[in-house]
């Protein structure tokens, strides 16, 4: 599973998106972020991974 959690302007965490069936490869993350951008994700200031 890939999850993206964001922090809104009030400081609260929100699940922005999740997807199953992906691996932690660069290509999987690229596709996942492209999908999120297509849904309107913008203004990203920091990306970290674990």
Protein backbone atom coordinates (compact mmCIF):
# COMPACT_ATOMS: atom_id res chain seq x y z
CA UNK A 1 0.00 0.00 0.00
CA UNK A 2 1.09 3.54 -0.70
CA UNK A 3 -0.36 6.31 1.47
CA UNK A 4 -0.04 10.07 1.29
CA UNK A 5 -0.87 12.03 4.41
CA UNK A 6 -0.93 15.81 4.33
CA UNK A 7 -1.13 18.52 6.96
CA UNK A 8 -3.72 21.23 6.37
CA UNK A 9 -3.43 24.91 7.34
CA UNK A 10 -4.94 24.17 10.77
CA UNK A 11 -2.19 21.62 11.45
CA UNK A 12 -4.49 18.59 11.16
CA UNK A 13 -3.37 15.48 9.27
CA UNK A 14 -5.49 14.26 6.37
CA UNK A 15 -5.22 11.17 4.18
CA UNK A 16 -4.85 12.58 0.67
CA UNK A 17 -4.67 9.28 -1.16
CA UNK A 18 -3.90 5.60 -0.90
CA UNK A 19 -3.42 2.83 -3.41
CA UNK A 20 -2.80 -0.88 -3.25
CA UNK A 21 -0.85 -3.11 -5.56
CA UNK A 22 2.11 -0.79 -5.95
CA UNK A 23 5.66 -1.40 -4.84
CA UNK A 24 8.00 1.17 -3.36
CA UNK A 25 9.76 1.65 -6.68
CA UNK A 26 10.46 5.05 -8.20
CA UNK A 27 8.02 4.28 -11.03
CA UNK A 28 5.19 3.37 -8.61
CA UNK A 29 5.66 6.60 -6.66
CA UNK A 30 5.84 8.59 -9.91
CA UNK A 31 2.53 7.11 -11.09
CA UNK A 32 0.94 7.64 -7.69
CA UNK A 33 1.97 11.31 -7.48
CA UNK A 34 0.84 11.86 -11.08
CA UNK A 35 -2.55 10.46 -10.09
CA UNK A 36 -2.68 12.81 -7.09
CA UNK A 37 -1.76 15.80 -9.27
CA UNK A 38 -4.57 14.80 -11.62
CA UNK A 39 -6.92 14.97 -8.64
CA UNK A 40 -5.76 18.54 -7.91
CA UNK A 41 -2.81 18.13 -5.53
CA UNK A 42 -0.63 21.25 -5.64
CA UNK A 43 1.51 23.40 -3.39
CA UNK A 44 3.56 20.51 -1.99
CA UNK A 45 6.36 21.87 0.18
CA UNK A 46 7.93 18.70 1.59
CA UNK A 47 7.93 15.00 0.75
CA UNK A 48 9.37 12.34 3.05
CA UNK A 49 9.18 8.58 2.97
CA UNK A 50 9.35 5.75 5.45
